[in-house]
Amino acid sequence: MVSHSSKKVYILGITGTGRAFRPSDWAERLAGVMSQFRPGGVPTGRHLAYSPWCVPSSVNNVRCVVVHEDLRAHNVMAWDFVMGFAKDNELQVHHGAPPHSAHQSHHDHHPKH
């Protein structure tokens, strides 16, 4: 069994009402915007690579973005942008381990503030 860091936040592409979020590549787009926020800053002369603090992924066949809380320590405005994106689009947010069911309501977990 894989251990999950409690410093991870999973933003799922499912709204609180259970609708799939569109466009289908939203996770890659959001992670692409956040790619400049990384340990050591943006490397020069390299191709675009996702930041280890904001990575597109899937949980239970649902697109998501895994955001590491180190992003908040590095740049609170970047953290607020990602969390605001989730809130503005009514996406489910889970702190700690990924949810067992991607269709779990966002009210069924206890977020850290």
N, C-alpha and C. Protein backbone atom coordinates (compact mmCIF):
# COMPACT_ATOMS: atom_id res chain seq x y z
N MET A 1 0.85 -1.18 0.00
CA MET A 1 0.00 0.00 0.00
C MET A 1 0.90 1.24 0.00
N VAL A 2 0.53 2.23 -0.79
CA VAL A 2 1.29 3.46 -0.90
C VAL A 2 0.85 4.43 0.20
N SER A 3 1.81 5.03 0.86
CA SER A 3 1.52 6.03 1.88
C SER A 3 1.37 7.39 1.21
N HIS A 4 0.37 8.15 1.63
CA HIS A 4 0.13 9.47 1.06
C HIS A 4 0.48 10.54 2.07
N SER A 5 1.13 11.57 1.61
CA SER A 5 1.51 12.67 2.48
C SER A 5 0.27 13.49 2.84
N SER A 6 0.20 13.90 4.09
CA SER A 6 -0.91 14.74 4.52
C SER A 6 -0.73 16.16 4.01
N LYS A 7 0.40 16.44 3.34
CA LYS A 7 0.65 17.77 2.81
C LYS A 7 0.13 17.92 1.39
N LYS A 8 -0.65 16.97 0.92
CA LYS A 8 -1.20 17.03 -0.43
C LYS A 8 -2.68 17.40 -0.38
N VAL A 9 -3.08 18.17 -1.38
CA VAL A 9 -4.48 18.54 -1.56
C VAL A 9 -4.88 18.06 -2.94
N TYR A 10 -6.00 17.37 -3.01
CA TYR A 10 -6.50 16.83 -4.27
C TYR A 10 -7.70 17.67 -4.72
N ILE A 11 -7.55 18.32 -5.86
CA ILE A 11 -8.65 19.07 -6.46
C ILE A 11 -9.20 18.20 -7.56
N LEU A 12 -10.41 17.71 -7.37
CA LEU A 12 -11.03 16.79 -8.33
C LEU A 12 -11.86 17.54 -9.37
N GLY A 13 -11.90 17.01 -10.55
CA GLY A 13 -12.69 17.58 -11.64
C GLY A 13 -14.15 17.17 -11.56
N ILE A 14 -14.68 17.19 -10.35
CA ILE A 14 -16.08 16.88 -10.09
C ILE A 14 -16.62 17.99 -9.19
N THR A 15 -17.74 18.55 -9.55
CA THR A 15 -18.33 19.61 -8.73
C THR A 15 -19.01 18.99 -7.51
N GLY A 16 -19.37 19.83 -6.57
CA GLY A 16 -20.09 19.38 -5.39
C GLY A 16 -21.39 18.70 -5.71
N THR A 17 -21.98 19.01 -6.87
CA THR A 17 -23.24 18.37 -7.29
C THR A 17 -23.00 17.12 -8.13
N GLY A 18 -21.71 16.75 -8.34
CA GLY A 18 -21.41 15.51 -9.06
C GLY A 18 -21.19 15.66 -10.55
N ARG A 19 -21.22 16.88 -11.07
CA ARG A 19 -20.99 17.08 -12.50
C ARG A 19 -19.50 17.06 -12.82
N ALA A 20 -19.16 16.52 -14.00
CA ALA A 20 -17.77 16.53 -14.46
C ALA A 20 -17.41 17.94 -14.88
N PHE A 21 -16.22 18.40 -14.50
CA PHE A 21 -15.76 19.73 -14.86
C PHE A 21 -15.19 19.71 -16.27
N ARG A 22 -15.46 20.74 -17.03
CA ARG A 22 -14.98 20.87 -18.40
C ARG A 22 -14.20 22.16 -18.54
N PRO A 23 -13.23 22.24 -19.44
CA PRO A 23 -12.89 21.27 -20.47
C PRO A 23 -12.15 20.07 -19.89
N SER A 24 -12.06 19.01 -20.65
CA SER A 24 -11.47 17.77 -20.16
C SER A 24 -9.99 17.90 -19.82
N ASP A 25 -9.30 18.89 -20.39
CA ASP A 25 -7.88 19.07 -20.09
C ASP A 25 -7.62 20.16 -19.05
N TRP A 26 -8.63 20.45 -18.23
CA TRP A 26 -8.50 21.52 -17.23
C TRP A 26 -7.32 21.28 -16.29
N ALA A 27 -7.05 20.04 -15.90
CA ALA A 27 -5.98 19.75 -14.94
C ALA A 27 -4.62 20.09 -15.53
N GLU A 28 -4.42 19.74 -16.79
CA GLU A 28 -3.16 20.06 -17.46
C GLU A 28 -2.99 21.56 -17.64
N ARG A 29 -4.09 22.24 -17.95
CA ARG A 29 -4.04 23.70 -18.12
C ARG A 29 -3.67 24.39 -16.81
N LEU A 30 -4.33 23.99 -15.72
CA LEU A 30 -4.06 24.61 -14.43
C LEU A 30 -2.62 24.31 -14.00
N ALA A 31 -2.18 23.07 -14.13
CA ALA A 31 -0.81 22.71 -13.75
C ALA A 31 0.21 23.44 -14.65
N GLY A 32 -0.13 23.66 -15.90
CA GLY A 32 0.75 24.40 -16.80
C GLY A 32 0.93 25.84 -16.35
N VAL A 33 -0.15 26.48 -15.93
CA VAL A 33 -0.08 27.85 -15.43
C VAL A 33 0.79 27.91 -14.18
N MET A 34 0.72 26.87 -13.37
CA MET A 34 1.45 26.84 -12.10
C MET A 34 2.87 26.30 -12.24
N SER A 35 3.30 25.94 -13.44
CA SER A 35 4.61 25.30 -13.64
C SER A 35 5.78 26.18 -13.22
N GLN A 36 5.61 27.49 -13.24
CA GLN A 36 6.71 28.39 -12.86
C GLN A 36 6.99 28.40 -11.36
N PHE A 37 6.04 27.92 -10.56
CA PHE A 37 6.21 27.91 -9.11
C PHE A 37 6.78 26.56 -8.71
N ARG A 38 8.09 26.55 -8.45
CA ARG A 38 8.79 25.29 -8.19
C ARG A 38 10.00 25.55 -7.32
N PRO A 39 10.51 24.49 -6.68
CA PRO A 39 11.74 24.65 -5.89
C PRO A 39 12.87 25.14 -6.79
N GLY A 40 13.57 26.17 -6.37
CA GLY A 40 14.69 26.68 -7.14
C GLY A 40 14.31 27.61 -8.27
N GLY A 41 13.02 27.89 -8.44
CA GLY A 41 12.58 28.78 -9.51
C GLY A 41 12.54 28.10 -10.86
N VAL A 42 12.23 28.86 -11.89
CA VAL A 42 12.07 28.32 -13.24
C VAL A 42 13.45 28.10 -13.86
N PRO A 43 13.75 26.86 -14.29
CA PRO A 43 15.03 26.63 -14.96
C PRO A 43 15.03 27.26 -16.35
N THR A 44 16.14 27.82 -16.76
CA THR A 44 16.22 28.45 -18.08
C THR A 44 16.64 27.43 -19.13
N GLY A 45 16.19 27.65 -20.36
CA GLY A 45 16.59 26.81 -21.48
C GLY A 45 16.01 25.42 -21.46
N ARG A 46 14.90 25.21 -20.77
CA ARG A 46 14.29 23.89 -20.70
C ARG A 46 12.87 23.94 -21.24
N HIS A 47 12.38 22.77 -21.60
CA HIS A 47 10.99 22.65 -22.02
C HIS A 47 10.09 22.79 -20.79
N LEU A 48 8.85 23.11 -21.04
CA LEU A 48 7.87 23.22 -19.98
C LEU A 48 7.77 21.90 -19.22
N ALA A 49 7.83 21.98 -17.92
CA ALA A 49 7.63 20.81 -17.05
C ALA A 49 6.76 21.25 -15.89
N TYR A 50 5.91 20.35 -15.43
CA TYR A 50 5.04 20.68 -14.31
C TYR A 50 5.86 20.86 -13.04
N SER A 51 5.39 21.74 -12.19
CA SER A 51 5.99 21.92 -10.88
C SER A 51 5.68 20.68 -10.03
N PRO A 52 6.61 20.25 -9.19
CA PRO A 52 6.30 19.13 -8.29
C PRO A 52 5.24 19.50 -7.25
N TRP A 53 4.93 20.79 -7.14
CA TRP A 53 3.93 21.26 -6.19
C TRP A 53 2.53 21.34 -6.79
N CYS A 54 2.38 21.10 -8.10
CA CYS A 54 1.07 21.19 -8.74
C CYS A 54 1.08 20.28 -9.96
N VAL A 55 0.57 19.07 -9.81
CA VAL A 55 0.71 18.03 -10.82
C VAL A 55 -0.66 17.50 -11.25
N PRO A 56 -0.92 17.44 -12.56
CA PRO A 56 -2.17 16.81 -13.01
C PRO A 56 -2.09 15.30 -12.79
N SER A 57 -3.22 14.71 -12.46
CA SER A 57 -3.26 13.28 -12.19
C SER A 57 -4.69 12.79 -12.36
N SER A 58 -4.97 11.58 -11.91
CA SER A 58 -6.31 11.02 -11.88
C SER A 58 -6.52 10.28 -10.58
N VAL A 59 -7.73 10.33 -10.06
CA VAL A 59 -8.14 9.57 -8.89
C VAL A 59 -9.45 8.91 -9.25
N ASN A 60 -9.49 7.60 -9.17
CA ASN A 60 -10.71 6.85 -9.50
C ASN A 60 -11.26 7.24 -10.87
N ASN A 61 -10.35 7.36 -11.84
CA ASN A 61 -10.70 7.73 -13.22
C ASN A 61 -11.29 9.12 -13.37
N VAL A 62 -11.00 10.00 -12.43
CA VAL A 62 -11.44 11.40 -12.49
C VAL A 62 -10.19 12.26 -12.53
N ARG A 63 -10.11 13.18 -13.49
CA ARG A 63 -8.97 14.10 -13.58
C ARG A 63 -8.90 14.93 -12.31
N CYS A 64 -7.68 15.19 -11.88
CA CYS A 64 -7.48 16.01 -10.69
C CYS A 64 -6.14 16.72 -10.79
N VAL A 65 -5.92 17.63 -9.87
CA VAL A 65 -4.63 18.27 -9.70
C VAL A 65 -4.23 18.02 -8.25
N VAL A 66 -3.01 17.53 -8.07
CA VAL A 66 -2.48 17.30 -6.74
C VAL A 66 -1.58 18.49 -6.41
N VAL A 67 -1.95 19.22 -5.38
CA VAL A 67 -1.22 20.41 -4.98
C VAL A 67 -0.55 20.14 -3.63
N HIS A 68 0.75 20.38 -3.58
CA HIS A 68 1.50 20.17 -2.34
C HIS A 68 1.49 21.46 -1.54
N GLU A 69 1.33 21.34 -0.23
CA GLU A 69 1.26 22.53 0.62
C GLU A 69 2.55 23.34 0.65
N ASP A 70 3.65 22.78 0.15
CA ASP A 70 4.88 23.57 0.05
C ASP A 70 4.71 24.75 -0.90
N LEU A 71 3.75 24.65 -1.82
CA LEU A 71 3.46 25.78 -2.71
C LEU A 71 3.05 27.00 -1.89
N ARG A 72 2.24 26.78 -0.85
CA ARG A 72 1.78 27.89 -0.01
C ARG A 72 2.96 28.56 0.69
N ALA A 73 3.92 27.76 1.18
CA ALA A 73 5.09 28.33 1.84
C ALA A 73 5.98 29.09 0.86
N HIS A 74 6.02 28.63 -0.39
CA HIS A 74 6.85 29.27 -1.42
C HIS A 74 6.22 30.56 -1.94
N ASN A 75 4.89 30.51 -2.21
CA ASN A 75 4.22 31.67 -2.79
C ASN A 75 2.73 31.59 -2.44
N VAL A 76 2.33 32.32 -1.42
CA VAL A 76 0.95 32.26 -0.95
C VAL A 76 -0.04 32.74 -2.01
N MET A 77 0.37 33.66 -2.87
CA MET A 77 -0.54 34.13 -3.94
C MET A 77 -0.81 33.01 -4.94
N ALA A 78 0.19 32.20 -5.26
CA ALA A 78 0.00 31.06 -6.16
C ALA A 78 -0.93 30.04 -5.53
N TRP A 79 -0.73 29.78 -4.23
CA TRP A 79 -1.61 28.87 -3.49
C TRP A 79 -3.05 29.39 -3.52
N ASP A 80 -3.22 30.66 -3.22
CA ASP A 80 -4.56 31.25 -3.22
C ASP A 80 -5.21 31.17 -4.60
N PHE A 81 -4.41 31.31 -5.65
CA PHE A 81 -4.94 31.21 -7.01
C PHE A 81 -5.51 29.81 -7.26
N VAL A 82 -4.75 28.79 -6.91
CA VAL A 82 -5.20 27.41 -7.14
C VAL A 82 -6.43 27.09 -6.30
N MET A 83 -6.40 27.46 -5.03
CA MET A 83 -7.54 27.19 -4.16
C MET A 83 -8.76 28.01 -4.58
N GLY A 84 -8.53 29.24 -5.04
CA GLY A 84 -9.62 30.06 -5.56
C GLY A 84 -10.23 29.48 -6.81
N PHE A 85 -9.39 28.90 -7.68
CA PHE A 85 -9.88 28.24 -8.88
C PHE A 85 -10.83 27.11 -8.49
N ALA A 86 -10.43 26.31 -7.51
CA ALA A 86 -11.27 25.20 -7.06
C ALA A 86 -12.59 25.72 -6.49
N LYS A 87 -12.51 26.73 -5.66
CA LYS A 87 -13.72 27.29 -5.03
C LYS A 87 -14.64 27.92 -6.07
N ASP A 88 -14.07 28.75 -6.95
CA ASP A 88 -14.88 29.44 -7.96
C ASP A 88 -15.60 28.47 -8.88
N ASN A 89 -15.00 27.31 -9.14
CA ASN A 89 -15.59 26.32 -10.03
C ASN A 89 -16.31 25.21 -9.28
N GLU A 90 -16.45 25.38 -7.96
CA GLU A 90 -17.17 24.45 -7.09
C GLU A 90 -16.64 23.03 -7.20
N LEU A 91 -15.30 22.89 -7.30
CA LEU A 91 -14.68 21.58 -7.42
C LEU A 91 -14.47 20.96 -6.03
N GLN A 92 -14.52 19.65 -5.99
CA GLN A 92 -14.28 18.94 -4.74
C GLN A 92 -12.80 19.03 -4.37
N VAL A 93 -12.53 19.33 -3.12
CA VAL A 93 -11.17 19.46 -2.61
C VAL A 93 -11.01 18.52 -1.42
N HIS A 94 -9.96 17.71 -1.46
CA HIS A 94 -9.70 16.75 -0.38
C HIS A 94 -8.28 16.95 0.12
N HIS A 95 -8.12 17.08 1.43
CA HIS A 95 -6.81 17.26 2.04
C HIS A 95 -6.30 15.92 2.55
N GLY A 96 -5.02 15.66 2.37
CA GLY A 96 -4.41 14.41 2.84
C GLY A 96 -4.43 13.35 1.76
N ALA A 97 -4.91 12.18 2.10
CA ALA A 97 -4.97 11.06 1.15
C ALA A 97 -6.05 11.32 0.11
N PRO A 98 -5.90 10.75 -1.09
CA PRO A 98 -6.95 10.92 -2.09
C PRO A 98 -8.24 10.28 -1.62
N PRO A 99 -9.37 10.80 -2.07
CA PRO A 99 -10.66 10.25 -1.64
C PRO A 99 -10.84 8.83 -2.16
N HIS A 100 -11.59 8.03 -1.40
CA HIS A 100 -11.86 6.65 -1.83
C HIS A 100 -12.79 6.63 -3.02
N SER A 101 -13.73 7.56 -3.05
CA SER A 101 -14.67 7.65 -4.15
C SER A 101 -14.66 9.08 -4.66
N ALA A 102 -14.42 9.23 -5.95
CA ALA A 102 -14.34 10.57 -6.54
C ALA A 102 -15.69 11.28 -6.51
N HIS A 103 -16.76 10.54 -6.32
CA HIS A 103 -18.09 11.16 -6.32
C HIS A 103 -18.55 11.51 -4.91
N GLN A 104 -17.64 11.40 -3.94
CA GLN A 104 -17.93 11.79 -2.58
C GLN A 104 -18.15 13.30 -2.53
N SER A 105 -19.15 13.72 -1.83
CA SER A 105 -19.43 15.15 -1.73
C SER A 105 -18.30 15.88 -1.03
N HIS A 106 -18.05 17.13 -1.46
CA HIS A 106 -16.99 17.91 -0.83
C HIS A 106 -17.33 18.25 0.61
N HIS A 107 -18.56 18.02 1.03
CA HIS A 107 -18.95 18.28 2.41
C HIS A 107 -18.64 17.09 3.30
N ASP A 108 -18.21 15.96 2.72
CA ASP A 108 -17.96 14.75 3.49
C ASP A 108 -16.56 14.66 4.05
N HIS A 109 -15.75 15.69 3.91
CA HIS A 109 -14.39 15.68 4.43
C HIS A 109 -14.16 16.95 5.24
N HIS A 110 -13.05 16.99 5.92
CA HIS A 110 -12.77 18.11 6.80
C HIS A 110 -11.53 18.82 6.31
N PRO A 111 -11.68 19.92 5.55
CA PRO A 111 -10.50 20.64 5.05
C PRO A 111 -9.78 21.38 6.16
N LYS A 112 -8.46 21.53 5.95
CA LYS A 112 -7.66 22.34 6.87
C LYS A 112 -7.67 23.78 6.38
N HIS A 113 -7.68 24.71 7.30
CA HIS A 113 -7.64 26.12 6.91
C HIS A 113 -6.41 26.75 7.44
